[in-house]
Amino acid sequence: MGRPSRGIGRRRRALALLMPALCLGALALSLTALFLVLGNIAAAGAGALTLDLLTHTPRPVGETGGGMANAIAGTLILVAMGALVGVPIGIGAGLYLAEAGASRLAQTARFWADVLTGIPAITIGLFAYAVLVVPLRSFSALAGGLALGILMLPVVTRSAEEAIRLVPGALREAALALGAPRWRVALTIVLPAARRGIVTGALLAIARAAGETAPLLFTAFGNQYWSWDPRQPIAALPLQIFTYAISPYDDWQRQARAGALLLVGLVLLLSTGARLLTSRTESGG
């Protein structure tokens, strides 16, 4: 009886050493891939990142120089329009899912939010194309904002739900005991208590939408000039990068690398802000 026990003990010790080593190896591989991508983008784009790129619009085909100022502004406009669509609706949906508990409607909504998270972005673009572009007979910033808002919606919904679930039940019970109606408790007690988690989820959703190209191909379409009319096509940084990267012109490809560096910097900034908010939430600060 002693030998089998010793054999089992050796196998357990071997597994106890092997599994952490495998996990560390997987972590090292993922970090290596991440730093290779970031390093390549930084090395290729840093030299082309100039003031002209940030302050000028694109030049005509065949002319060197120009910049992506209109695309940068267009990205900010599209992301802001998407946030106006996705963030308020997502917060409201997350509040309902957290407060409704295990009702059938809540379970159904939760399921479809998870499904929407996994739908390819190009499918969302086709939906916005059918809903706005075809009836209006024009590509537009409105259609692009709608597509980005739909992409943000499930991320904001699920993160808001989880943040609201972390609010202590004692706060709700105290407010209800004082005679406050349930809707007022949810809006004035629960939501403010979960604000950091909700903001974190909103920032992550915005970071995801800011780098999307596929839905904008069918909606915003792109524009070589400044455009402030939401009913007209508008430039966007991902679209400009895509157009320049597949072009045969060296100057455009150089600007595409610099634009990719700008876009990665924007996404990293938003992700870092979300992580800092998460850290403060976890520490209770």
Protein backbone atom coordinates (compact mmCIF):
# COMPACT_ATOMS: atom_id res chain seq x y z
CA MET A 1 0.00 0.00 0.00
CA GLY A 2 2.97 2.33 0.59
CA ARG A 3 4.38 2.19 -2.95
CA PRO A 4 1.20 3.29 -4.77
CA SER A 5 0.82 6.16 -2.30
CA ARG A 6 4.40 7.29 -2.94
CA GLY A 7 3.80 7.06 -6.70
CA ILE A 8 0.66 9.15 -6.47
CA GLY A 9 2.51 11.71 -4.35
CA ARG A 10 5.30 11.99 -6.94
CA ARG A 11 2.80 12.49 -9.75
CA ARG A 12 1.02 15.19 -7.78
CA ARG A 13 4.29 16.98 -7.07
CA ALA A 14 5.25 16.74 -10.73
CA LEU A 15 1.90 18.18 -11.80
CA ALA A 16 2.21 20.89 -9.16
CA LEU A 17 5.49 21.95 -10.77
CA LEU A 18 4.41 21.41 -14.37
CA MET A 19 1.16 23.37 -14.41
CA PRO A 20 2.62 26.67 -13.12
CA ALA A 21 5.45 26.29 -15.62
CA LEU A 22 2.96 25.82 -18.47
CA CYS A 23 0.96 28.84 -17.32
CA LEU A 24 4.11 30.98 -17.13
CA GLY A 25 5.10 29.77 -20.61
CA ALA A 26 1.70 30.74 -22.00
CA LEU A 27 2.00 34.14 -20.30
CA ALA A 28 5.47 34.64 -21.76
CA LEU A 29 4.25 33.76 -25.27
CA SER A 30 1.30 36.13 -25.09
CA LEU A 31 3.44 38.99 -23.74
CA THR A 32 6.08 38.32 -26.39
CA ALA A 33 3.48 38.57 -29.14
CA LEU A 34 2.07 41.76 -27.62
CA PHE A 35 5.46 43.47 -27.31
CA LEU A 36 6.50 42.38 -30.81
CA VAL A 37 3.37 43.98 -32.27
CA LEU A 38 3.73 47.15 -30.20
CA GLY A 39 7.45 47.35 -30.88
CA ASN A 40 6.97 46.92 -34.61
CA ILE A 41 4.27 49.62 -34.73
CA ALA A 42 6.38 51.99 -32.61
CA ALA A 43 9.55 51.43 -34.68
CA ALA A 44 7.74 51.81 -38.00
CA GLY A 45 5.50 54.73 -37.05
CA ALA A 46 7.63 56.88 -34.75
CA GLY A 47 9.72 58.31 -37.58
CA ALA A 48 6.65 59.30 -39.58
CA LEU A 49 4.83 60.91 -36.67
CA THR A 50 5.17 64.60 -37.48
CA LEU A 51 3.29 67.80 -36.76
CA ASP A 52 2.01 67.88 -40.35
CA LEU A 53 0.39 64.50 -39.82
CA LEU A 54 -1.60 65.92 -36.91
CA THR A 55 -2.52 69.28 -38.43
CA HIS A 56 -3.00 68.76 -42.19
CA THR A 57 -5.57 66.98 -44.35
CA PRO A 58 -4.60 64.39 -46.98
CA ARG A 59 -2.98 65.54 -50.21
CA PRO A 60 -4.26 64.45 -53.65
CA VAL A 61 -3.12 61.09 -55.01
CA GLY A 62 0.51 61.22 -56.13
CA GLU A 63 1.51 64.21 -53.99
CA THR A 64 3.67 63.67 -50.93
CA GLY A 65 2.97 65.15 -47.54
CA GLY A 66 -0.34 65.91 -45.96
CA GLY A 67 -1.73 64.44 -42.81
CA MET A 68 -4.64 62.85 -41.00
CA ALA A 69 -6.08 65.74 -39.01
CA ASN A 70 -9.57 65.26 -40.44
CA ALA A 71 -9.42 61.52 -39.76
CA ILE A 72 -8.39 62.09 -36.13
CA ALA A 73 -11.25 64.55 -35.65
CA GLY A 74 -13.62 62.19 -37.44
CA THR A 75 -12.68 59.32 -35.14
CA LEU A 76 -13.39 61.47 -32.09
CA ILE A 77 -16.75 62.52 -33.56
CA LEU A 78 -17.77 58.96 -34.43
CA VAL A 79 -16.71 57.61 -31.04
CA ALA A 80 -18.61 60.41 -29.29
CA MET A 81 -21.73 59.67 -31.34
CA GLY A 82 -21.38 55.97 -30.63
CA ALA A 83 -21.00 56.67 -26.91
CA LEU A 84 -24.19 58.75 -26.97
CA VAL A 85 -25.98 55.69 -28.35
CA GLY A 86 -24.31 52.81 -26.53
CA VAL A 87 -23.38 54.12 -23.09
CA PRO A 88 -26.76 55.42 -21.77
CA ILE A 89 -28.69 52.45 -23.16
CA GLY A 90 -26.06 50.03 -21.87
CA ILE A 91 -26.12 51.52 -18.38
CA GLY A 92 -29.91 51.37 -18.29
CA ALA A 93 -29.90 47.78 -19.50
CA GLY A 94 -27.22 46.82 -16.98
CA LEU A 95 -29.20 48.43 -14.17
CA TYR A 96 -32.28 46.47 -15.15
CA LEU A 97 -30.38 43.18 -15.40
CA ALA A 98 -28.79 43.70 -11.99
CA GLU A 99 -32.01 44.73 -10.27
CA ALA A 100 -34.37 42.33 -12.03
CA GLY A 101 -32.39 39.33 -10.85
CA ALA A 102 -33.38 35.99 -12.35
CA SER A 103 -36.56 37.03 -14.17
CA ARG A 104 -37.17 35.44 -17.56
CA LEU A 105 -36.87 38.75 -19.39
CA ALA A 106 -33.57 39.52 -17.65
CA GLN A 107 -32.16 36.11 -18.52
CA THR A 108 -33.20 36.54 -22.15
CA ALA A 109 -31.67 40.02 -22.34
CA ARG A 110 -28.46 38.78 -20.71
CA PHE A 111 -28.21 35.95 -23.22
CA TRP A 112 -28.64 38.26 -26.21
CA ALA A 113 -26.13 40.73 -24.79
CA ASP A 114 -23.59 37.91 -24.66
CA VAL A 115 -24.50 36.90 -28.22
CA LEU A 116 -24.11 40.49 -29.42
CA THR A 117 -20.64 40.61 -27.88
CA GLY A 118 -19.50 37.82 -30.20
CA ILE A 119 -21.11 39.08 -33.42
CA PRO A 120 -18.47 40.17 -35.99
CA ALA A 121 -18.12 43.92 -36.31
CA ILE A 122 -18.68 43.79 -40.06
CA THR A 123 -22.15 42.35 -39.42
CA ILE A 124 -22.98 45.36 -37.25
CA GLY A 125 -21.80 47.56 -40.10
CA LEU A 126 -24.11 45.80 -42.54
CA PHE A 127 -27.01 46.30 -40.13
CA ALA A 128 -26.33 50.03 -39.85
CA TYR A 129 -25.99 50.15 -43.64
CA ALA A 130 -29.45 48.63 -44.07
CA VAL A 131 -31.04 50.81 -41.37
CA LEU A 132 -29.57 54.23 -42.21
CA VAL A 133 -27.44 54.25 -45.35
CA VAL A 134 -29.98 52.63 -47.67
CA PRO A 135 -33.01 54.75 -46.56
CA LEU A 136 -30.97 57.99 -46.58
CA ARG A 137 -29.17 56.98 -49.81
CA SER A 138 -25.89 58.27 -48.43
CA PHE A 139 -23.04 57.14 -46.26
CA SER A 140 -22.93 59.28 -43.14
CA ALA A 141 -21.44 59.89 -39.74
CA LEU A 142 -24.84 59.03 -38.25
CA ALA A 143 -24.61 55.50 -39.64
CA GLY A 144 -21.03 55.14 -38.38
CA GLY A 145 -21.98 56.37 -34.93
CA LEU A 146 -24.89 53.92 -34.81
CA ALA A 147 -22.62 51.01 -35.74
CA LEU A 148 -20.06 51.93 -33.07
CA GLY A 149 -22.82 52.46 -30.51
CA ILE A 150 -24.15 48.96 -31.13
CA LEU A 151 -20.63 47.58 -30.71
CA MET A 152 -20.32 49.38 -27.36
CA LEU A 153 -23.75 48.31 -26.11
CA PRO A 154 -23.10 44.73 -24.90
CA VAL A 155 -19.77 45.64 -23.26
CA VAL A 156 -21.32 48.53 -21.34
CA THR A 157 -24.37 46.45 -20.42
CA ARG A 158 -22.48 43.51 -18.94
CA SER A 159 -19.87 45.62 -17.17
CA ALA A 160 -22.55 47.89 -15.70
CA GLU A 161 -24.50 44.87 -14.49
CA GLU A 162 -21.45 43.41 -12.74
CA ALA A 163 -20.53 46.77 -11.20
CA ILE A 164 -24.06 47.28 -9.86
CA ARG A 165 -24.14 43.75 -8.44
CA LEU A 166 -21.10 44.65 -6.31
CA VAL A 167 -23.02 47.41 -4.53
CA PRO A 168 -23.79 46.18 -0.99
CA GLY A 169 -27.39 45.19 -0.45
CA ALA A 170 -27.40 47.07 2.84
CA LEU A 171 -27.45 50.37 0.94
CA ARG A 172 -30.60 49.36 -0.91
CA GLU A 173 -32.27 48.06 2.24
CA ALA A 174 -31.48 51.24 4.18
CA ALA A 175 -32.91 53.47 1.47
CA LEU A 176 -36.03 51.31 1.09
CA ALA A 177 -36.50 51.31 4.86
CA LEU A 178 -36.57 55.11 4.81
CA GLY A 179 -39.48 54.97 2.36
CA ALA A 180 -37.69 55.73 -0.92
CA PRO A 181 -39.29 54.10 -3.97
CA ARG A 182 -37.32 51.37 -5.71
CA TRP A 183 -36.66 53.39 -8.88
CA ARG A 184 -35.26 56.27 -6.85
CA VAL A 185 -33.02 53.94 -4.88
CA ALA A 186 -31.65 52.52 -8.12
CA LEU A 187 -30.98 55.93 -9.66
CA THR A 188 -29.73 57.92 -6.66
CA ILE A 189 -28.11 55.25 -4.47
CA VAL A 190 -27.08 52.27 -6.56
CA LEU A 191 -25.81 53.99 -9.70
CA PRO A 192 -23.58 56.53 -7.89
CA ALA A 193 -22.12 53.74 -5.77
CA ALA A 194 -21.21 51.76 -8.91
CA ARG A 195 -20.00 54.72 -10.98
CA ARG A 196 -16.33 53.71 -11.15
CA GLY A 197 -17.08 50.24 -12.42
CA ILE A 198 -19.56 51.66 -14.93
CA VAL A 199 -17.05 54.24 -16.18
CA THR A 200 -14.43 51.50 -16.51
CA GLY A 201 -16.74 49.42 -18.69
CA ALA A 202 -17.64 52.46 -20.80
CA LEU A 203 -13.97 53.26 -21.39
CA LEU A 204 -13.26 49.68 -22.43
CA ALA A 205 -16.20 49.77 -24.84
CA ILE A 206 -15.02 53.07 -26.31
CA ALA A 207 -11.49 51.68 -26.71
CA ARG A 208 -12.88 48.69 -28.59
CA ALA A 209 -15.00 50.83 -30.90
CA ALA A 210 -12.25 53.37 -31.60
CA GLY A 211 -10.14 50.83 -33.46
CA GLU A 212 -12.87 49.25 -35.59
CA THR A 213 -12.56 49.53 -39.36
CA ALA A 214 -15.02 47.00 -40.83
CA PRO A 215 -18.31 48.65 -39.72
CA LEU A 216 -17.12 52.06 -40.92
CA LEU A 217 -16.51 50.76 -44.44
CA PHE A 218 -20.27 50.39 -44.85
CA THR A 219 -21.33 53.46 -42.92
CA ALA A 220 -18.93 56.42 -42.55
CA PHE A 221 -17.13 55.44 -45.79
CA GLY A 222 -14.36 58.03 -45.37
CA ASN A 223 -13.71 61.57 -46.60
CA GLN A 224 -10.58 63.34 -47.82
CA TYR A 225 -11.77 66.68 -46.46
CA TRP A 226 -13.12 68.19 -43.27
CA SER A 227 -16.73 67.20 -42.70
CA TRP A 228 -18.96 68.43 -39.89
CA ASP A 229 -22.32 67.40 -41.33
CA PRO A 230 -23.47 64.17 -39.62
CA ARG A 231 -25.51 63.30 -42.73
CA GLN A 232 -22.41 63.16 -44.93
CA PRO A 233 -19.47 60.72 -45.14
CA ILE A 234 -16.75 61.41 -42.62
CA ALA A 235 -13.09 60.45 -42.29
CA ALA A 236 -11.91 58.12 -39.56
CA LEU A 237 -8.44 57.07 -38.47
CA PRO A 238 -8.98 53.30 -38.96
CA LEU A 239 -10.35 53.91 -42.46
CA GLN A 240 -7.46 56.20 -43.36
CA ILE A 241 -4.95 53.65 -42.11
CA PHE A 242 -6.64 50.89 -44.12
CA THR A 243 -6.71 52.99 -47.31
CA TYR A 244 -3.11 54.12 -46.99
CA ALA A 245 -1.74 50.71 -45.96
CA ILE A 246 -3.03 48.95 -49.09
CA SER A 247 -1.95 51.75 -51.44
CA PRO A 248 1.15 51.47 -53.70
CA TYR A 249 2.56 54.81 -52.51
CA ASP A 250 5.47 54.78 -50.06
CA ASP A 251 4.46 58.10 -48.48
CA TRP A 252 0.92 56.84 -47.81
CA GLN A 253 2.25 53.63 -46.30
CA ARG A 254 4.57 55.66 -44.07
CA GLN A 255 1.60 57.75 -42.89
CA ALA A 256 -0.43 54.57 -42.32
CA ARG A 257 2.22 53.32 -39.90
CA ALA A 258 2.20 56.64 -38.05
CA GLY A 259 -1.60 56.57 -37.92
CA ALA A 260 -1.50 53.03 -36.53
CA LEU A 261 0.81 54.26 -33.78
CA LEU A 262 -1.63 57.09 -32.98
CA LEU A 263 -4.54 54.66 -32.85
CA VAL A 264 -2.69 52.21 -30.62
CA GLY A 265 -1.74 55.09 -28.33
CA LEU A 266 -5.38 56.15 -28.07
CA VAL A 267 -6.53 52.62 -27.25
CA LEU A 268 -3.73 52.17 -24.71
CA LEU A 269 -4.64 55.47 -23.08
CA LEU A 270 -8.28 54.45 -22.71
CA SER A 271 -7.38 50.95 -21.50
CA THR A 272 -4.91 52.34 -18.97
CA GLY A 273 -7.52 54.74 -17.67
CA ALA A 274 -9.98 51.87 -17.31
CA ARG A 275 -7.39 49.80 -15.46
CA LEU A 276 -6.60 52.65 -13.07
CA LEU A 277 -10.29 53.09 -12.31
CA THR A 278 -10.62 49.36 -11.74
CA SER A 279 -7.67 49.39 -9.34
CA ARG A 280 -9.16 52.24 -7.35
CA THR A 281 -12.53 50.43 -7.23
CA GLU A 282 -10.94 47.22 -5.98
CA SER A 283 -8.96 49.06 -3.32
CA GLY A 284 -12.03 51.01 -2.22
CA GLY A 285 -10.28 54.31 -2.83
